[in-house]
């Protein structure tokens, strides 16, 4: 049997303080999460709106009958892989061909 008198009620002051602390903690963490999410979305949107750091020329002039299948930009040049198994190394103006490299099967 329990020897506690029935007319005594437990002290709820400590429990009320803990519940109040937990409410404040949850509210603060929720607000921090929402603010962090807004900042993250803002940074992503701003990043996608920036122009690319390495712009490509408006037009690229290829030899007659040639179609580009891939383009790579380097520092001061463009490499264009063509449908007739060649790599054209061109200037950033999109017209000057520096090298024309034929792609041959490996050994």
C-alpha atoms as a PDB file:
ATOM      1  CA  UNK A   1       0.000   0.000   0.000  1.00  0.00           C
ATOM      2  CA  UNK A   2       0.967   3.554  -0.674  1.00  0.00           C
ATOM      3  CA  UNK A   3       1.641   5.613   2.462  1.00  0.00           C
ATOM      4  CA  UNK A   4       1.042   8.955   0.680  1.00  0.00           C
ATOM      5  CA  UNK A   5      -1.917  10.852   2.054  1.00  0.00           C
ATOM      6  CA  UNK A   6      -4.713  11.219  -0.475  1.00  0.00           C
ATOM      7  CA  UNK A   7      -5.286  14.909   0.187  1.00  0.00           C
ATOM      8  CA  UNK A   8      -1.799  15.925  -1.045  1.00  0.00           C
ATOM      9  CA  UNK A   9      -1.478  16.834  -4.705  1.00  0.00           C
ATOM     10  CA  UNK A  10       1.825  16.497  -6.540  1.00  0.00           C
ATOM     11  CA  UNK A  11       3.811  19.681  -7.209  1.00  0.00           C
ATOM     12  CA  UNK A  12       3.154  20.594 -10.870  1.00  0.00           C
ATOM     13  CA  UNK A  13       5.293  23.748 -10.849  1.00  0.00           C
ATOM     14  CA  UNK A  14       8.364  21.922 -12.182  1.00  0.00           C
ATOM     15  CA  UNK A  15       6.309  20.179 -14.862  1.00  0.00           C
ATOM     16  CA  UNK A  16       4.692  23.447 -15.985  1.00  0.00           C
ATOM     17  CA  UNK A  17       8.133  25.062 -16.269  1.00  0.00           C
ATOM     18  CA  UNK A  18       9.441  22.166 -18.355  1.00  0.00           C
ATOM     19  CA  UNK A  19       6.427  22.238 -20.672  1.00  0.00           C
ATOM     20  CA  UNK A  20       6.772  26.017 -21.118  1.00  0.00           C
ATOM     21  CA  UNK A  21      10.489  25.575 -21.920  1.00  0.00           C
ATOM     22  CA  UNK A  22       9.729  22.846 -24.468  1.00  0.00           C
ATOM     23  CA  UNK A  23       7.064  25.025 -26.130  1.00  0.00           C
ATOM     24  CA  UNK A  24       9.542  27.885 -26.499  1.00  0.00           C
ATOM     25  CA  UNK A  25      12.218  25.503 -27.782  1.00  0.00           C
ATOM     26  CA  UNK A  26       9.929  23.948 -30.405  1.00  0.00           C
ATOM     27  CA  UNK A  27       8.685  27.368 -31.551  1.00  0.00           C
ATOM     28  CA  UNK A  28      12.252  28.683 -31.862  1.00  0.00           C
ATOM     29  CA  UNK A  29      13.430  25.642 -33.789  1.00  0.00           C
ATOM     30  CA  UNK A  30      10.422  25.858 -36.125  1.00  0.00           C
ATOM     31  CA  UNK A  31      11.081  29.535 -36.828  1.00  0.00           C
ATOM     32  CA  UNK A  32      14.789  28.839 -37.423  1.00  0.00           C
ATOM     33  CA  UNK A  33      13.942  26.036 -39.851  1.00  0.00           C
ATOM     34  CA  UNK A  34      11.492  28.219 -41.792  1.00  0.00           C
ATOM     35  CA  UNK A  35      13.968  31.107 -42.019  1.00  0.00           C
ATOM     36  CA  UNK A  36      16.739  28.734 -43.118  1.00  0.00           C
ATOM     37  CA  UNK A  37      14.519  27.242 -45.812  1.00  0.00           C
ATOM     38  CA  UNK A  38      13.597  30.703 -47.110  1.00  0.00           C
ATOM     39  CA  UNK A  39      17.288  31.694 -47.236  1.00  0.00           C
ATOM     40  CA  UNK A  40      18.204  28.448 -49.041  1.00  0.00           C
ATOM     41  CA  UNK A  41      15.484  28.885 -51.669  1.00  0.00           C
ATOM     42  CA  UNK A  42      16.502  32.536 -52.168  1.00  0.00           C
ATOM     43  CA  UNK A  43      20.155  31.588 -52.722  1.00  0.00           C
ATOM     44  CA  UNK A  44      19.214  28.861 -55.220  1.00  0.00           C
ATOM     45  CA  UNK A  45      16.937  31.212 -57.178  1.00  0.00           C
ATOM     46  CA  UNK A  46      19.599  33.946 -57.243  1.00  0.00           C
ATOM     47  CA  UNK A  47      22.243  31.471 -58.396  1.00  0.00           C
ATOM     48  CA  UNK A  48      20.138  30.240 -61.330  1.00  0.00           C
ATOM     49  CA  UNK A  49      19.432  33.805 -62.455  1.00  0.00           C
ATOM     50  CA  UNK A  50      23.128  34.656 -62.808  1.00  0.00           C
ATOM     51  CA  UNK A  51      24.685  34.595 -66.235  1.00  0.00           C
ATOM     52  CA  UNK A  52      27.175  31.850 -66.897  1.00  0.00           C
ATOM     53  CA  UNK A  53      30.774  32.706 -66.084  1.00  0.00           C
ATOM     54  CA  UNK A  54      31.984  31.404 -69.453  1.00  0.00           C
ATOM     55  CA  UNK A  55      29.742  32.701 -72.216  1.00  0.00           C
ATOM     56  CA  UNK A  56      29.492  30.951 -75.568  1.00  0.00           C
ATOM     57  CA  UNK A  57      29.492  32.841 -78.867  1.00  0.00           C
ATOM     58  CA  UNK A  58      26.138  33.809 -80.358  1.00  0.00           C
ATOM     59  CA  UNK A  59      26.832  31.884 -83.603  1.00  0.00           C
ATOM     60  CA  UNK A  60      29.246  29.107 -84.505  1.00  0.00           C
ATOM     61  CA  UNK A  61      30.097  28.771 -88.181  1.00  0.00           C
ATOM     62  CA  UNK A  62      30.747  25.151 -89.165  1.00  0.00           C
ATOM     63  CA  UNK A  63      31.894  23.823 -92.547  1.00  0.00           C
ATOM     64  CA  UNK A  64      29.178  23.007 -95.055  1.00  0.00           C
ATOM     65  CA  UNK A  65      27.257  19.779 -94.310  1.00  0.00           C
ATOM     66  CA  UNK A  66      28.709  19.362 -90.793  1.00  0.00           C
ATOM     67  CA  UNK A  67      26.572  19.055 -87.685  1.00  0.00           C
ATOM     68  CA  UNK A  68      27.861  19.513 -84.139  1.00  0.00           C
ATOM     69  CA  UNK A  69      27.247  16.603 -81.772  1.00  0.00           C
ATOM     70  CA  UNK A  70      29.102  18.026 -78.732  1.00  0.00           C
ATOM     71  CA  UNK A  71      30.666  21.323 -77.681  1.00  0.00           C
ATOM     72  CA  UNK A  72      33.288  21.953 -75.003  1.00  0.00           C
ATOM     73  CA  UNK A  73      34.614  25.357 -73.973  1.00  0.00           C
ATOM     74  CA  UNK A  74      38.167  25.839 -72.810  1.00  0.00           C
ATOM     75  CA  UNK A  75      40.176  28.923 -71.906  1.00  0.00           C
ATOM     76  CA  UNK A  76      40.185  30.804 -75.196  1.00  0.00           C
ATOM     77  CA  UNK A  77      38.888  28.001 -77.449  1.00  0.00           C
ATOM     78  CA  UNK A  78      35.937  25.791 -78.306  1.00  0.00           C
ATOM     79  CA  UNK A  79      36.139  22.086 -79.164  1.00  0.00           C
ATOM     80  CA  UNK A  80      33.331  20.915 -81.402  1.00  0.00           C
ATOM     81  CA  UNK A  81      32.814  17.228 -82.120  1.00  0.00           C
ATOM     82  CA  UNK A  82      31.142  16.796 -85.497  1.00  0.00           C
ATOM     83  CA  UNK A  83      28.972  14.075 -87.015  1.00  0.00           C
ATOM     84  CA  UNK A  84      31.719  13.179 -89.518  1.00  0.00           C
ATOM     85  CA  UNK A  85      34.167  12.064 -86.767  1.00  0.00           C
ATOM     86  CA  UNK A  86      36.234  15.220 -86.451  1.00  0.00           C
ATOM     87  CA  UNK A  87      37.072  17.582 -83.628  1.00  0.00           C
ATOM     88  CA  UNK A  88      37.247  21.241 -84.586  1.00  0.00           C
ATOM     89  CA  UNK A  89      39.229  23.490 -82.260  1.00  0.00           C
ATOM     90  CA  UNK A  90      37.825  26.969 -82.815  1.00  0.00           C
ATOM     91  CA  UNK A  91      38.306  30.462 -81.453  1.00  0.00           C
ATOM     92  CA  UNK A  92      35.779  32.064 -79.131  1.00  0.00           C
ATOM     93  CA  UNK A  93      34.472  34.132 -82.037  1.00  0.00           C
ATOM     94  CA  UNK A  94      32.850  30.942 -83.371  1.00  0.00           C
ATOM     95  CA  UNK A  95      34.384  31.314 -86.843  1.00  0.00           C
ATOM     96  CA  UNK A  96      38.158  30.807 -86.665  1.00  0.00           C
ATOM     97  CA  UNK A  97      39.234  27.150 -86.931  1.00  0.00           C
ATOM     98  CA  UNK A  98      42.568  26.576 -85.176  1.00  0.00           C
ATOM     99  CA  UNK A  99      42.787  22.801 -85.658  1.00  0.00           C
ATOM    100  CA  UNK A 100      40.865  20.084 -87.445  1.00  0.00           C
ATOM    101  CA  UNK A 101      41.524  16.701 -85.793  1.00  0.00           C
ATOM    102  CA  UNK A 102      40.280  13.478 -87.410  1.00  0.00           C
ATOM    103  CA  UNK A 103      39.019  10.839 -84.977  1.00  0.00           C
ATOM    104  CA  UNK A 104      40.450   7.426 -85.851  1.00  0.00           C
ATOM    105  CA  UNK A 105      39.703   4.073 -84.191  1.00  0.00           C
ATOM    106  CA  UNK A 106      42.153   2.974 -81.493  1.00  0.00           C
ATOM    107  CA  UNK A 107      44.590   0.135 -81.851  1.00  0.00           C
END
